[in-house]
């Protein structure tokens, strides 16, 4: 599989740097610091990964879903 290049997305006045990891998993940087890791769950739902275990944390997170929607627009997944 071809490794995708990192890219930036802007939501409101915040710029996030997105680093693709394994399939449908992305590390998000905010203000130059590692912020969160997210993974695609369904077509419209994304999950934040627990920073200590790497396991999905279930529950609605509007920011995570907004980031995921923008990632989908860019990478076409």
N, C-alpha and C. Protein backbone atom coordinates (compact mmCIF):
# COMPACT_ATOMS: atom_id res chain seq x y z
N UNK A 1 0.83 -1.18 0.00
CA UNK A 1 0.00 0.00 0.00
C UNK A 1 0.88 1.25 0.00
N UNK A 2 0.52 2.20 -0.81
CA UNK A 2 1.25 3.46 -0.90
C UNK A 2 0.97 4.31 0.33
N UNK A 3 2.04 4.76 0.98
CA UNK A 3 1.90 5.61 2.17
C UNK A 3 1.52 7.02 1.73
N UNK A 4 0.47 7.55 2.30
CA UNK A 4 0.02 8.90 1.99
C UNK A 4 0.93 9.92 2.65
N UNK A 5 1.03 11.07 2.03
CA UNK A 5 1.81 12.18 2.59
C UNK A 5 0.98 12.93 3.62
N UNK A 6 1.63 13.50 4.63
CA UNK A 6 0.90 14.35 5.59
C UNK A 6 0.29 15.56 4.89
N UNK A 7 -0.78 16.08 5.46
CA UNK A 7 -1.44 17.25 4.89
C UNK A 7 -2.08 18.05 6.02
N UNK A 8 -2.46 19.29 5.73
CA UNK A 8 -3.10 20.16 6.71
C UNK A 8 -4.57 20.32 6.35
N UNK A 9 -5.40 20.45 7.38
CA UNK A 9 -6.80 20.81 7.18
C UNK A 9 -7.12 21.96 8.12
N UNK A 10 -8.09 22.77 7.71
CA UNK A 10 -8.48 23.92 8.51
C UNK A 10 -9.94 23.80 8.87
N UNK A 11 -10.23 23.93 10.15
CA UNK A 11 -11.61 23.92 10.63
C UNK A 11 -11.75 25.18 11.48
N UNK A 12 -12.64 26.05 11.03
CA UNK A 12 -12.76 27.35 11.71
C UNK A 12 -11.47 28.11 11.52
N UNK A 13 -10.87 28.56 12.61
CA UNK A 13 -9.59 29.27 12.51
C UNK A 13 -8.44 28.39 13.01
N UNK A 14 -8.67 27.09 13.13
CA UNK A 14 -7.64 26.17 13.62
C UNK A 14 -7.11 25.32 12.47
N UNK A 15 -5.79 25.23 12.39
CA UNK A 15 -5.15 24.37 11.38
C UNK A 15 -4.62 23.13 12.07
N UNK A 16 -5.00 21.99 11.52
CA UNK A 16 -4.54 20.70 12.04
C UNK A 16 -3.63 20.06 11.01
N UNK A 17 -2.55 19.45 11.46
CA UNK A 17 -1.67 18.67 10.58
C UNK A 17 -2.06 17.21 10.74
N UNK A 18 -2.27 16.55 9.59
CA UNK A 18 -2.77 15.18 9.57
C UNK A 18 -1.68 14.27 9.02
N UNK A 19 -1.34 13.24 9.79
CA UNK A 19 -0.33 12.28 9.37
C UNK A 19 -0.99 10.91 9.24
N UNK A 20 -1.14 10.42 8.00
CA UNK A 20 -1.73 9.10 7.80
C UNK A 20 -0.87 8.01 8.42
N UNK A 21 -1.51 7.07 9.09
CA UNK A 21 -0.83 5.93 9.68
C UNK A 21 -1.28 4.69 8.91
N UNK A 22 -1.69 3.64 9.62
CA UNK A 22 -2.19 2.46 8.93
C UNK A 22 -3.59 2.74 8.39
N UNK A 23 -4.22 1.75 7.81
CA UNK A 23 -5.51 1.91 7.13
C UNK A 23 -6.53 2.67 7.98
N UNK A 24 -7.02 3.78 7.45
CA UNK A 24 -8.07 4.60 8.06
C UNK A 24 -7.72 5.13 9.44
N UNK A 25 -6.43 5.22 9.76
CA UNK A 25 -5.99 5.76 11.04
C UNK A 25 -5.08 6.96 10.79
N UNK A 26 -5.29 8.03 11.55
CA UNK A 26 -4.56 9.27 11.34
C UNK A 26 -4.13 9.86 12.68
N UNK A 27 -2.89 10.38 12.72
CA UNK A 27 -2.42 11.13 13.87
C UNK A 27 -2.59 12.61 13.55
N UNK A 28 -3.22 13.32 14.48
CA UNK A 28 -3.55 14.73 14.29
C UNK A 28 -2.66 15.57 15.21
N UNK A 29 -2.04 16.59 14.62
CA UNK A 29 -1.25 17.55 15.39
C UNK A 29 -1.99 18.88 15.41
N UNK A 30 -1.95 19.54 16.57
CA UNK A 30 -2.61 20.84 16.74
C UNK A 30 -1.61 21.73 17.46
N UNK A 31 -1.39 22.92 16.93
CA UNK A 31 -0.42 23.86 17.51
C UNK A 31 0.97 23.25 17.64
N UNK A 32 1.35 22.42 16.67
CA UNK A 32 2.68 21.84 16.65
C UNK A 32 2.90 20.68 17.60
N UNK A 33 1.86 20.27 18.30
CA UNK A 33 1.96 19.17 19.26
C UNK A 33 1.06 18.02 18.83
N UNK A 34 1.52 16.77 19.12
CA UNK A 34 0.62 15.65 18.83
C UNK A 34 -0.63 15.82 19.68
N UNK A 35 -1.77 15.74 19.03
CA UNK A 35 -3.04 16.06 19.69
C UNK A 35 -3.87 14.79 19.95
N UNK A 36 -4.26 14.10 18.88
CA UNK A 36 -5.05 12.88 19.01
C UNK A 36 -4.77 11.95 17.84
N UNK A 37 -5.16 10.71 18.00
CA UNK A 37 -5.18 9.75 16.91
C UNK A 37 -6.63 9.37 16.69
N UNK A 38 -7.05 9.32 15.41
CA UNK A 38 -8.43 8.96 15.11
C UNK A 38 -8.44 7.83 14.09
N UNK A 39 -9.56 7.09 14.10
CA UNK A 39 -9.73 5.98 13.17
C UNK A 39 -11.16 6.03 12.64
N UNK A 40 -11.31 5.67 11.36
CA UNK A 40 -12.63 5.66 10.74
C UNK A 40 -13.41 4.46 11.29
N UNK A 41 -14.63 4.71 11.73
CA UNK A 41 -15.50 3.65 12.25
C UNK A 41 -16.53 3.26 11.20
N UNK A 42 -17.33 4.23 10.76
CA UNK A 42 -18.32 4.00 9.70
C UNK A 42 -18.17 5.12 8.69
N UNK A 43 -19.06 5.17 7.72
CA UNK A 43 -18.98 6.22 6.70
C UNK A 43 -19.05 7.62 7.29
N UNK A 44 -19.75 7.79 8.40
CA UNK A 44 -19.93 9.13 8.96
C UNK A 44 -19.42 9.25 10.39
N UNK A 45 -18.81 8.21 10.91
CA UNK A 45 -18.40 8.22 12.30
C UNK A 45 -16.91 7.89 12.43
N UNK A 46 -16.24 8.67 13.24
CA UNK A 46 -14.82 8.48 13.54
C UNK A 46 -14.65 8.36 15.03
N UNK A 47 -13.62 7.64 15.46
CA UNK A 47 -13.37 7.43 16.88
C UNK A 47 -11.98 7.92 17.25
N UNK A 48 -11.89 8.46 18.44
CA UNK A 48 -10.59 8.84 19.00
C UNK A 48 -9.96 7.58 19.59
N UNK A 49 -8.63 7.43 19.41
CA UNK A 49 -7.94 6.29 20.00
C UNK A 49 -7.36 6.68 21.35
N UNK A 50 -7.43 5.77 22.30
CA UNK A 50 -6.86 5.99 23.62
C UNK A 50 -5.35 6.11 23.47
N UNK A 51 -4.74 7.20 23.96
CA UNK A 51 -3.30 7.40 23.75
C UNK A 51 -2.43 6.35 24.44
N UNK A 52 -2.93 5.71 25.48
CA UNK A 52 -2.13 4.72 26.19
C UNK A 52 -2.29 3.31 25.64
N UNK A 53 -3.51 2.97 25.20
CA UNK A 53 -3.75 1.59 24.74
C UNK A 53 -3.88 1.48 23.24
N UNK A 54 -4.19 2.59 22.54
CA UNK A 54 -4.41 2.54 21.11
C UNK A 54 -5.76 1.97 20.73
N UNK A 55 -6.62 1.73 21.71
CA UNK A 55 -7.94 1.17 21.44
C UNK A 55 -8.95 2.30 21.21
N UNK A 56 -9.95 2.05 20.36
CA UNK A 56 -10.98 3.07 20.10
C UNK A 56 -11.75 3.42 21.37
N UNK A 57 -12.03 4.71 21.49
CA UNK A 57 -12.83 5.21 22.60
C UNK A 57 -14.20 5.58 22.03
N UNK A 58 -15.21 4.78 22.37
CA UNK A 58 -16.53 5.00 21.81
C UNK A 58 -17.21 6.17 22.50
N UNK A 59 -18.02 6.87 21.74
CA UNK A 59 -18.72 8.05 22.25
C UNK A 59 -18.62 9.16 21.22
N UNK A 60 -19.65 9.95 21.13
CA UNK A 60 -19.68 11.03 20.15
C UNK A 60 -18.66 12.11 20.49
N UNK A 61 -17.89 12.50 19.51
CA UNK A 61 -16.95 13.60 19.66
C UNK A 61 -17.05 14.42 18.38
N UNK A 62 -17.68 15.58 18.49
CA UNK A 62 -17.95 16.40 17.31
C UNK A 62 -16.66 16.81 16.60
N UNK A 63 -15.62 17.17 17.34
CA UNK A 63 -14.36 17.57 16.73
C UNK A 63 -13.75 16.42 15.93
N UNK A 64 -13.77 15.21 16.49
CA UNK A 64 -13.23 14.04 15.81
C UNK A 64 -14.00 13.77 14.52
N UNK A 65 -15.33 13.87 14.56
CA UNK A 65 -16.13 13.64 13.36
C UNK A 65 -15.90 14.74 12.32
N UNK A 66 -15.70 15.98 12.74
CA UNK A 66 -15.39 17.06 11.80
C UNK A 66 -14.04 16.81 11.12
N UNK A 67 -13.05 16.42 11.91
CA UNK A 67 -11.73 16.10 11.35
C UNK A 67 -11.85 14.95 10.36
N UNK A 68 -12.58 13.91 10.75
CA UNK A 68 -12.75 12.76 9.86
C UNK A 68 -13.42 13.11 8.56
N UNK A 69 -14.44 13.96 8.63
CA UNK A 69 -15.15 14.37 7.41
C UNK A 69 -14.21 15.13 6.47
N UNK A 70 -13.37 15.99 7.02
CA UNK A 70 -12.42 16.74 6.20
C UNK A 70 -11.36 15.80 5.61
N UNK A 71 -10.91 14.83 6.39
CA UNK A 71 -9.94 13.85 5.88
C UNK A 71 -10.56 13.08 4.71
N UNK A 72 -11.82 12.66 4.86
CA UNK A 72 -12.49 11.92 3.79
C UNK A 72 -12.55 12.73 2.50
N UNK A 73 -12.80 14.03 2.61
CA UNK A 73 -12.85 14.89 1.42
C UNK A 73 -11.50 14.90 0.70
N UNK A 74 -10.41 14.91 1.48
CA UNK A 74 -9.07 15.03 0.89
C UNK A 74 -8.59 13.70 0.33
N UNK A 75 -8.74 12.62 1.09
CA UNK A 75 -8.16 11.35 0.65
C UNK A 75 -9.16 10.47 -0.10
N UNK A 76 -10.42 10.87 -0.11
CA UNK A 76 -11.40 10.13 -0.90
C UNK A 76 -11.71 8.75 -0.37
N UNK A 77 -11.79 8.60 0.94
CA UNK A 77 -12.13 7.28 1.50
C UNK A 77 -13.58 7.26 1.93
